[in-house]
Amino acid sequence: MYSYSLAGKTALVTGASQGIGFEIAKVLSYNGANIIGVANSDLAAVKAVVEKNGKQFSGFVVDLSSESEVIEFVSTVHEKVKTIDILVNNAGVTKVGSTLDMLDSEYDLTFNVNMKAPYILSREIGRQMIQQGGGKIINTASIHGFIGSYEVAAYAATKHAIVGLTKALANEWGQYNINVNAVAPGFTKTANTKGLQENEVAMAEVTAQIPLRRWANPEDIAWPVAFLASEASAYVNGHTLVVDGGYINN
């Protein structure tokens, strides 16, 4: 019988210091996984939560917008950890505003963090997964990877690309017993959406378009990730699981 248990597994989670990534690390460790946490900020809080769940935690502060830092991190983690069973490419940045006003540097930052880093990490960790006989890769996409979003053109473009990358790698690596899937969160209560949450009019308008009539909490996203990381999803491959309370279907 299939199980959500991740006992004996090691999961690498990017963007683990806060928000959805923090909750993913918490839930995966609750289900038995040791965690390698990656972020561009302090990881003390997530370390404490993982260790409270009785699991091991290794933290790395990495600038995921820097290709050289990502490559250096991969080399370091391969030396320290022989097996990575689960890769969660969760870290992301958003720039809200008119495309006409977006600087090339802002686009580059968005692309490098949201798309290039997941590509490099998937490629390099994927090599290891092939050698060890399999693994799970879960990408954090977005509902903006399915719709033409207003004033988030660069972000939406990267999330469309993540959906495509998920499908392509699933097709390529399924033969190696590697499942590649994604979750696409809807409107979620995190620090990144704080501005929108504090706008009462906008908050009410968005909430009214969600059939469940509420925003997601990070935990609402983390448990579907736990499913995709577990053997319960053994026959799921190349799928992007939309977790949005029904928003894009409305």
Foldseek 3Di string as FASTA:
>chain_A
DFDLAPAPAEEEFEPCQWFLNVLLLLVNLLSHYAYEYEYQDDRVVSQVSSVVSVHHYHYDRFLQLDPVRLVVVLVVVVVVDVAHAEYELEDADFDFDDPVPDDPVNLSSRCSNLAVSLVVVCVSNVVSQLVVQEHEYEYEAAVLLVDPDHRGVSNSVSSVVLLVVQQVVLVVCVVSQYAGEYEHEYAEDTPNCVVQVVPVVSLQVQLVLQPVSDHHYSNLRSVVVSCRRTCVCSPHHSYYHYRYNCNVVD
